Amino acid sequence: YSARGHIAPPRETHKNVDIYRAGGTRLDK
């Protein structure tokens, strides 16, 4: 969305929250 084009880590911890990013397509919404 607003950060389209940015590749975020598939797994990270940010502000005490464990984040798991699933892989999927990122075509023009």
PDB file of all heavy atoms in Angstrom:
ATOM      1  N   TYR A   1       0.861  -1.187   0.000  1.00  0.00           N
ATOM      2  CA  TYR A   1       0.000   0.000   0.000  1.00  0.00           C
ATOM      3  C   TYR A   1       0.899   1.240   0.000  1.00  0.00           C
ATOM      4  O   TYR A   1       1.568   1.516  -0.972  1.00  0.00           O
ATOM      5  CB  TYR A   1      -0.956  -0.040   1.197  1.00  0.00           C
ATOM      6  CG  TYR A   1      -1.958  -1.168   1.100  1.00  0.00           C
ATOM      7  CD1 TYR A   1      -1.626  -2.471   1.485  1.00  0.00           C
ATOM      8  CD2 TYR A   1      -3.245  -0.940   0.608  1.00  0.00           C
ATOM      9  CE1 TYR A   1      -2.539  -3.512   1.380  1.00  0.00           C
ATOM     10  CE2 TYR A   1      -4.170  -1.965   0.505  1.00  0.00           C
ATOM     11  CZ  TYR A   1      -3.815  -3.251   0.885  1.00  0.00           C
ATOM     12  OH  TYR A   1      -4.718  -4.280   0.777  1.00  0.00           O
ATOM     13  N   SER A   2       0.936   1.972   1.104  1.00  0.00           N
ATOM     14  CA  SER A   2       1.769   3.172   1.148  1.00  0.00           C
ATOM     15  C   SER A   2       3.257   2.843   1.064  1.00  0.00           C
ATOM     16  O   SER A   2       4.050   3.656   0.604  1.00  0.00           O
ATOM     17  CB  SER A   2       1.484   3.959   2.428  1.00  0.00           C
ATOM     18  OG  SER A   2       1.797   3.182   3.571  1.00  0.00           O
ATOM     19  N   ALA A   3       3.639   1.634   1.519  1.00  0.00           N
ATOM     20  CA  ALA A   3       5.056   1.236   1.501  1.00  0.00           C
ATOM     21  C   ALA A   3       5.349   0.242   0.385  1.00  0.00           C
ATOM     22  O   ALA A   3       6.300  -0.537   0.471  1.00  0.00           O
ATOM     23  CB  ALA A   3       5.447   0.637   2.855  1.00  0.00           C
ATOM     24  N   ARG A   4       4.522   0.269  -0.663  1.00  0.00           N
ATOM     25  CA  ARG A   4       4.720  -0.665  -1.767  1.00  0.00           C
ATOM     26  C   ARG A   4       6.100  -0.500  -2.379  1.00  0.00           C
ATOM     27  O   ARG A   4       6.572   0.618  -2.599  1.00  0.00           O
ATOM     28  CB  ARG A   4       3.649  -0.428  -2.843  1.00  0.00           C
ATOM     29  CG  ARG A   4       3.659  -1.500  -3.915  1.00  0.00           C
ATOM     30  CD  ARG A   4       2.444  -1.382  -4.815  1.00  0.00           C
ATOM     31  NE  ARG A   4       2.419  -2.512  -5.736  1.00  0.00           N
ATOM     32  CZ  ARG A   4       2.297  -2.400  -7.039  1.00  0.00           C
ATOM     33  NH1 ARG A   4       2.194  -1.219  -7.600  1.00  0.00           N
ATOM     34  NH2 ARG A   4       2.270  -3.466  -7.803  1.00  0.00           N
ATOM     35  N   GLY A   5       6.749  -1.626  -2.644  1.00  0.00           N
ATOM     36  CA  GLY A   5       8.105  -1.609  -3.173  1.00  0.00           C
ATOM     37  C   GLY A   5       9.144  -1.903  -2.106  1.00  0.00           C
ATOM     38  O   GLY A   5      10.265  -2.291  -2.405  1.00  0.00           O
ATOM     39  N   HIS A   6       8.755  -1.710  -0.848  1.00  0.00           N
ATOM     40  CA  HIS A   6       9.656  -2.006   0.269  1.00  0.00           C
ATOM     41  C   HIS A   6       9.556  -3.489   0.614  1.00  0.00           C
ATOM     42  O   HIS A   6       8.462  -4.026   0.752  1.00  0.00           O
ATOM     43  CB  HIS A   6       9.262  -1.159   1.481  1.00  0.00           C
ATOM     44  CG  HIS A   6      10.034  -1.479   2.722  1.00  0.00           C
ATOM     45  ND1 HIS A   6      11.326  -1.053   2.928  1.00  0.00           N
ATOM     46  CD2 HIS A   6       9.696  -2.192   3.835  1.00  0.00           C
ATOM     47  CE1 HIS A   6      11.745  -1.479   4.100  1.00  0.00           C
ATOM     48  NE2 HIS A   6      10.772  -2.173   4.669  1.00  0.00           N
ATOM     49  N   ILE A   7      10.676  -4.148   0.738  1.00  0.00           N
ATOM     50  CA  ILE A   7      10.701  -5.556   1.137  1.00  0.00           C
ATOM     51  C   ILE A   7      11.020  -5.619   2.629  1.00  0.00           C
ATOM     52  O   ILE A   7      12.122  -5.252   3.055  1.00  0.00           O
ATOM     53  CB  ILE A   7      11.748  -6.363   0.342  1.00  0.00           C
ATOM     54  CG1 ILE A   7      11.486  -6.234  -1.162  1.00  0.00           C
ATOM     55  CG2 ILE A   7      11.717  -7.826   0.783  1.00  0.00           C
ATOM     56  CD1 ILE A   7      10.176  -6.808  -1.612  1.00  0.00           C
ATOM     57  N   ALA A   8      10.052  -6.051   3.417  1.00  0.00           N
ATOM     58  CA  ALA A   8      10.246  -6.162   4.864  1.00  0.00           C
ATOM     59  C   ALA A   8      10.716  -7.566   5.223  1.00  0.00           C
ATOM     60  O   ALA A   8      10.451  -8.527   4.488  1.00  0.00           O
ATOM     61  CB  ALA A   8       8.936  -5.842   5.586  1.00  0.00           C
ATOM     62  N   PRO A   9      11.431  -7.725   6.335  1.00  0.00           N
ATOM     63  CA  PRO A   9      11.898  -9.054   6.737  1.00  0.00           C
ATOM     64  C   PRO A   9      10.720 -10.009   6.938  1.00  0.00           C
ATOM     65  O   PRO A   9       9.674  -9.602   7.454  1.00  0.00           O
ATOM     66  CB  PRO A   9      12.614  -8.793   8.064  1.00  0.00           C
ATOM     67  CG  PRO A   9      12.922  -7.338   8.071  1.00  0.00           C
ATOM     68  CD  PRO A   9      11.842  -6.678   7.288  1.00  0.00           C
ATOM     69  N   PRO A  10      10.868 -11.268   6.548  1.00  0.00           N
ATOM     70  CA  PRO A  10       9.775 -12.227   6.764  1.00  0.00           C
ATOM     71  C   PRO A  10       9.509 -12.487   8.245  1.00  0.00           C
ATOM     72  O   PRO A  10       8.413 -12.917   8.611  1.00  0.00           O
ATOM     73  CB  PRO A  10      10.257 -13.493   6.054  1.00  0.00           C
ATOM     74  CG  PRO A  10      11.728 -13.322   5.924  1.00  0.00           C
ATOM     75  CD  PRO A  10      12.000 -11.868   5.819  1.00  0.00           C
ATOM     76  N   ARG A  11      10.504 -12.195   9.077  1.00  0.00           N
ATOM     77  CA  ARG A  11      10.352 -12.407  10.518  1.00  0.00           C
ATOM     78  C   ARG A  11      11.150 -11.341  11.251  1.00  0.00           C
ATOM     79  O   ARG A  11      12.340 -11.156  10.999  1.00  0.00           O
ATOM     80  CB  ARG A  11      10.875 -13.808  10.896  1.00  0.00           C
ATOM     81  CG  ARG A  11      11.054 -14.068  12.385  1.00  0.00           C
ATOM     82  CD  ARG A  11       9.718 -14.338  13.077  1.00  0.00           C
ATOM     83  NE  ARG A  11       9.922 -14.762  14.453  1.00  0.00           N
ATOM     84  CZ  ARG A  11      10.069 -13.928  15.494  1.00  0.00           C
ATOM     85  NH1 ARG A  11      10.071 -12.619  15.292  1.00  0.00           N
ATOM     86  NH2 ARG A  11      10.215 -14.395  16.718  1.00  0.00           N
ATOM     87  N   GLU A  12      10.478 -10.578  12.115  1.00  0.00           N
ATOM     88  CA  GLU A  12      11.178  -9.593  12.933  1.00  0.00           C
ATOM     89  C   GLU A  12      10.352  -9.286  14.173  1.00  0.00           C
ATOM     90  O   GLU A  12       9.161  -9.629  14.253  1.00  0.00           O
ATOM     91  CB  GLU A  12      11.449  -8.302  12.152  1.00  0.00           C
ATOM     92  CG  GLU A  12      10.218  -7.463  11.833  1.00  0.00           C
ATOM     93  CD  GLU A  12      10.585  -6.117  11.227  1.00  0.00           C
ATOM     94  OE1 GLU A  12      11.505  -5.447  11.752  1.00  0.00           O
ATOM     95  OE2 GLU A  12       9.940  -5.726  10.221  1.00  0.00           O
ATOM     96  N   THR A  13      11.004  -8.659  15.147  1.00  0.00           N
ATOM     97  CA  THR A  13      10.323  -8.182  16.343  1.00  0.00           C
ATOM     98  C   THR A  13      10.437  -6.660  16.371  1.00  0.00           C
ATOM     99  O   THR A  13      11.530  -6.112  16.246  1.00  0.00           O
ATOM    100  CB  THR A  13      10.939  -8.774  17.622  1.00  0.00           C
ATOM    101  OG1 THR A  13      10.806 -10.201  17.585  1.00  0.00           O
ATOM    102  CG2 THR A  13      10.223  -8.247  18.864  1.00  0.00           C
ATOM    103  N   HIS A  14       9.299  -6.001  16.492  1.00  0.00           N
ATOM    104  CA  HIS A  14       9.267  -4.534  16.490  1.00  0.00           C
ATOM    105  C   HIS A  14       8.358  -4.071  17.612  1.00  0.00           C
ATOM    106  O   HIS A  14       7.184  -4.422  17.661  1.00  0.00           O
ATOM    107  CB  HIS A  14       8.774  -4.022  15.140  1.00  0.00           C
ATOM    108  CG  HIS A  14       8.764  -2.528  15.036  1.00  0.00           C
ATOM    109  ND1 HIS A  14       7.625  -1.764  15.208  1.00  0.00           N
ATOM    110  CD2 HIS A  14       9.775  -1.638  14.785  1.00  0.00           C
ATOM    111  CE1 HIS A  14       7.910  -0.491  15.062  1.00  0.00           C
ATOM    112  NE2 HIS A  14       9.209  -0.387  14.801  1.00  0.00           N
ATOM    113  N   LYS A  15       8.935  -3.320  18.563  1.00  0.00           N
ATOM    114  CA  LYS A  15       8.199  -2.800  19.719  1.00  0.00           C
ATOM    115  C   LYS A  15       7.456  -3.915  20.458  1.00  0.00           C
ATOM    116  O   LYS A  15       6.259  -3.818  20.737  1.00  0.00           O
ATOM    117  CB  LYS A  15       7.247  -1.686  19.281  1.00  0.00           C
ATOM    118  CG  LYS A  15       7.983  -0.452  18.777  1.00  0.00           C
ATOM    119  CD  LYS A  15       7.066   0.729  18.583  1.00  0.00           C
ATOM    120  CE  LYS A  15       7.869   1.968  18.156  1.00  0.00           C
ATOM    121  NZ  LYS A  15       7.015   3.160  17.961  1.00  0.00           N
ATOM    122  N   ASN A  16       8.179  -4.980  20.740  1.00  0.00           N
ATOM    123  CA  ASN A  16       7.700  -6.121  21.530  1.00  0.00           C
ATOM    124  C   ASN A  16       6.682  -6.994  20.804  1.00  0.00           C
ATOM    125  O   ASN A  16       6.099  -7.897  21.407  1.00  0.00           O
ATOM    126  CB  ASN A  16       7.091  -5.662  22.866  1.00  0.00           C
ATOM    127  CG  ASN A  16       8.108  -5.004  23.762  1.00  0.00           C
ATOM    128  OD1 ASN A  16       9.262  -5.412  23.825  1.00  0.00           O
ATOM    129  ND2 ASN A  16       7.674  -3.955  24.458  1.00  0.00           N
ATOM    130  N   VAL A  17       6.466  -6.745  19.527  1.00  0.00           N
ATOM    131  CA  VAL A  17       5.532  -7.551  18.747  1.00  0.00           C
ATOM    132  C   VAL A  17       6.313  -8.429  17.780  1.00  0.00           C
ATOM    133  O   VAL A  17       7.134  -7.927  16.998  1.00  0.00           O
ATOM    134  CB  VAL A  17       4.545  -6.668  17.962  1.00  0.00           C
ATOM    135  CG1 VAL A  17       3.613  -7.530  17.106  1.00  0.00           C
ATOM    136  CG2 VAL A  17       3.736  -5.778  18.899  1.00  0.00           C
ATOM    137  N   ASP A  18       6.070  -9.742  17.819  1.00  0.00           N
ATOM    138  CA  ASP A  18       6.691 -10.671  16.872  1.00  0.00           C
ATOM    139  C   ASP A  18       5.889 -10.650  15.575  1.00  0.00           C
ATOM    140  O   ASP A  18       4.686 -10.928  15.576  1.00  0.00           O
ATOM    141  CB  ASP A  18       6.720 -12.087  17.449  1.00  0.00           C
ATOM    142  CG  ASP A  18       7.608 -12.190  18.673  1.00  0.00           C
ATOM    143  OD1 ASP A  18       8.645 -11.505  18.712  1.00  0.00           O
ATOM    144  OD2 ASP A  18       7.248 -12.945  19.600  1.00  0.00           O
ATOM    145  N   ILE A  19       6.560 -10.328  14.478  1.00  0.00           N
ATOM    146  CA  ILE A  19       5.889 -10.167  13.195  1.00  0.00           C
ATOM    147  C   ILE A  19       6.298 -11.291  12.251  1.00  0.00           C
ATOM    148  O   ILE A  19       7.482 -11.538  12.043  1.00  0.00           O
ATOM    149  CB  ILE A  19       6.246  -8.814  12.552  1.00  0.00           C
ATOM    150  CG1 ILE A  19       5.945  -7.656  13.519  1.00  0.00           C
ATOM    151  CG2 ILE A  19       5.478  -8.621  11.244  1.00  0.00           C
ATOM    152  CD1 ILE A  19       6.516  -6.327  13.064  1.00  0.00           C
ATOM    153  N   TYR A  20       5.298 -11.960  11.692  1.00  0.00           N
ATOM    154  CA  TYR A  20       5.516 -12.999  10.694  1.00  0.00           C
ATOM    155  C   TYR A  20       4.843 -12.537   9.402  1.00  0.00           C
ATOM    156  O   TYR A  20       3.626 -12.369   9.355  1.00  0.00           O
ATOM    157  CB  TYR A  20       4.918 -14.330  11.140  1.00  0.00           C
ATOM    158  CG  TYR A  20       5.520 -14.877  12.415  1.00  0.00           C
ATOM    159  CD1 TYR A  20       5.000 -14.509  13.648  1.00  0.00           C
ATOM    160  CD2 TYR A  20       6.606 -15.750  12.381  1.00  0.00           C
ATOM    161  CE1 TYR A  20       5.548 -14.996  14.827  1.00  0.00           C
ATOM    162  CE2 TYR A  20       7.164 -16.251  13.559  1.00  0.00           C
ATOM    163  CZ  TYR A  20       6.626 -15.858  14.774  1.00  0.00           C
ATOM    164  OH  TYR A  20       7.170 -16.351  15.945  1.00  0.00           O
ATOM    165  N   ARG A  21       5.631 -12.310   8.366  1.00  0.00           N
ATOM    166  CA  ARG A  21       5.088 -11.847   7.095  1.00  0.00           C
ATOM    167  C   ARG A  21       4.982 -13.010   6.117  1.00  0.00           C
ATOM    168  O   ARG A  21       5.976 -13.661   5.799  1.00  0.00           O
ATOM    169  CB  ARG A  21       5.941 -10.718   6.514  1.00  0.00           C
ATOM    170  CG  ARG A  21       5.921  -9.454   7.376  1.00  0.00           C
ATOM    171  CD  ARG A  21       6.629  -8.280   6.713  1.00  0.00           C
ATOM    172  NE  ARG A  21       6.519  -7.086   7.540  1.00  0.00           N
ATOM    173  CZ  ARG A  21       7.375  -6.755   8.511  1.00  0.00           C
ATOM    174  NH1 ARG A  21       8.431  -7.535   8.741  1.00  0.00           N
ATOM    175  NH2 ARG A  21       7.188  -5.658   9.220  1.00  0.00           N
ATOM    176  N   ALA A  22       3.767 -13.242   5.663  1.00  0.00           N
ATOM    177  CA  ALA A  22       3.526 -14.329   4.720  1.00  0.00           C
ATOM    178  C   ALA A  22       3.825 -13.860   3.309  1.00  0.00           C
ATOM    179  O   ALA A  22       3.629 -12.686   2.980  1.00  0.00           O
ATOM    180  CB  ALA A  22       2.073 -14.796   4.826  1.00  0.00           C
ATOM    181  N   GLY A  23       4.291 -14.759   2.496  1.00  0.00           N
ATOM    182  CA  GLY A  23       4.613 -14.416   1.118  1.00  0.00           C
ATOM    183  C   GLY A  23       3.396 -14.535   0.224  1.00  0.00           C
ATOM    184  O   GLY A  23       2.668 -15.527   0.256  1.00  0.00           O
ATOM    185  N   GLY A  24       3.132 -13.529  -0.566  1.00  0.00           N
ATOM    186  CA  GLY A  24       2.039 -13.544  -1.535  1.00  0.00           C
ATOM    187  C   GLY A  24       2.351 -12.557  -2.633  1.00  0.00           C
ATOM    188  O   GLY A  24       3.344 -11.833  -2.571  1.00  0.00           O
ATOM    189  N   THR A  25       1.514 -12.507  -3.642  1.00  0.00           N
ATOM    190  CA  THR A  25       1.751 -11.560  -4.727  1.00  0.00           C
ATOM    191  C   THR A  25       1.505 -10.132  -4.248  1.00  0.00           C
ATOM    192  O   THR A  25       0.732  -9.888  -3.319  1.00  0.00           O
ATOM    193  CB  THR A  25       0.839 -11.858  -5.924  1.00  0.00           C
ATOM    194  OG1 THR A  25      -0.524 -11.850  -5.482  1.00  0.00           O
ATOM    195  CG2 THR A  25       1.160 -13.216  -6.521  1.00  0.00           C
ATOM    196  N   ARG A  26       2.167  -9.190  -4.926  1.00  0.00           N
ATOM    197  CA  ARG A  26       1.995  -7.773  -4.591  1.00  0.00           C
ATOM    198  C   ARG A  26       1.719  -6.995  -5.873  1.00  0.00           C
ATOM    199  O   ARG A  26       2.389  -6.019  -6.188  1.00  0.00           O
ATOM    200  CB  ARG A  26       3.244  -7.236  -3.876  1.00  0.00           C
ATOM    201  CG  ARG A  26       3.489  -7.904  -2.528  1.00  0.00           C
ATOM    202  CD  ARG A  26       4.475  -7.119  -1.695  1.00  0.00           C
ATOM    203  NE  ARG A  26       5.802  -7.096  -2.286  1.00  0.00           N
ATOM    204  CZ  ARG A  26       6.785  -6.284  -1.878  1.00  0.00           C
ATOM    205  NH1 ARG A  26       6.563  -5.427  -0.889  1.00  0.00           N
ATOM    206  NH2 ARG A  26       7.971  -6.324  -2.448  1.00  0.00           N
ATOM    207  N   LEU A  27       0.698  -7.442  -6.581  1.00  0.00           N
ATOM    208  CA  LEU A  27       0.322  -6.784  -7.821  1.00  0.00           C
ATOM    209  C   LEU A  27      -0.416  -5.478  -7.510  1.00  0.00           C
ATOM    210  O   LEU A  27      -0.814  -5.233  -6.372  1.00  0.00           O
ATOM    211  CB  LEU A  27      -0.566  -7.716  -8.655  1.00  0.00           C
ATOM    212  CG  LEU A  27       0.046  -9.093  -8.986  1.00  0.00           C
ATOM    213  CD1 LEU A  27      -0.976  -9.976  -9.671  1.00  0.00           C
ATOM    214  CD2 LEU A  27       1.297  -8.936  -9.836  1.00  0.00           C
ATOM    215  N   ASP A  28      -0.623  -4.658  -8.516  1.00  0.00           N
ATOM    216  CA  ASP A  28      -1.273  -3.361  -8.335  1.00  0.00           C
ATOM    217  C   ASP A  28      -2.703  -3.563  -7.819  1.00  0.00           C
ATOM    218  O   ASP A  28      -3.573  -4.062  -8.532  1.00  0.00           O
ATOM    219  CB  ASP A  28      -1.289  -2.611  -9.666  1.00  0.00           C
ATOM    220  CG  ASP A  28      -1.875  -1.209  -9.543  1.00  0.00           C
ATOM    221  OD1 ASP A  28      -2.351  -0.842  -8.452  1.00  0.00           O
ATOM    222  OD2 ASP A  28      -1.853  -0.484 -10.553  1.00  0.00           O
ATOM    223  N   LYS A  29      -2.962  -3.139  -6.594  1.00  0.00           N
ATOM    224  CA  LYS A  29      -4.246  -3.380  -5.956  1.00  0.00           C
ATOM    225  C   LYS A  29      -5.373  -2.556  -6.575  1.00  0.00           C
ATOM    226  O   LYS A  29      -6.558  -2.823  -6.330  1.00  0.00           O
ATOM    227  CB  LYS A  29      -4.165  -3.075  -4.460  1.00  0.00           C
ATOM    228  CG  LYS A  29      -3.878  -1.608  -4.140  1.00  0.00           C
ATOM    229  CD  LYS A  29      -3.781  -1.345  -2.663  1.00  0.00           C
ATOM    230  CE  LYS A  29      -3.482   0.126  -2.383  1.00  0.00           C
ATOM    231  NZ  LYS A  29      -4.537   1.015  -2.896  1.00  0.00           N
TER     232      LYS A  29
END
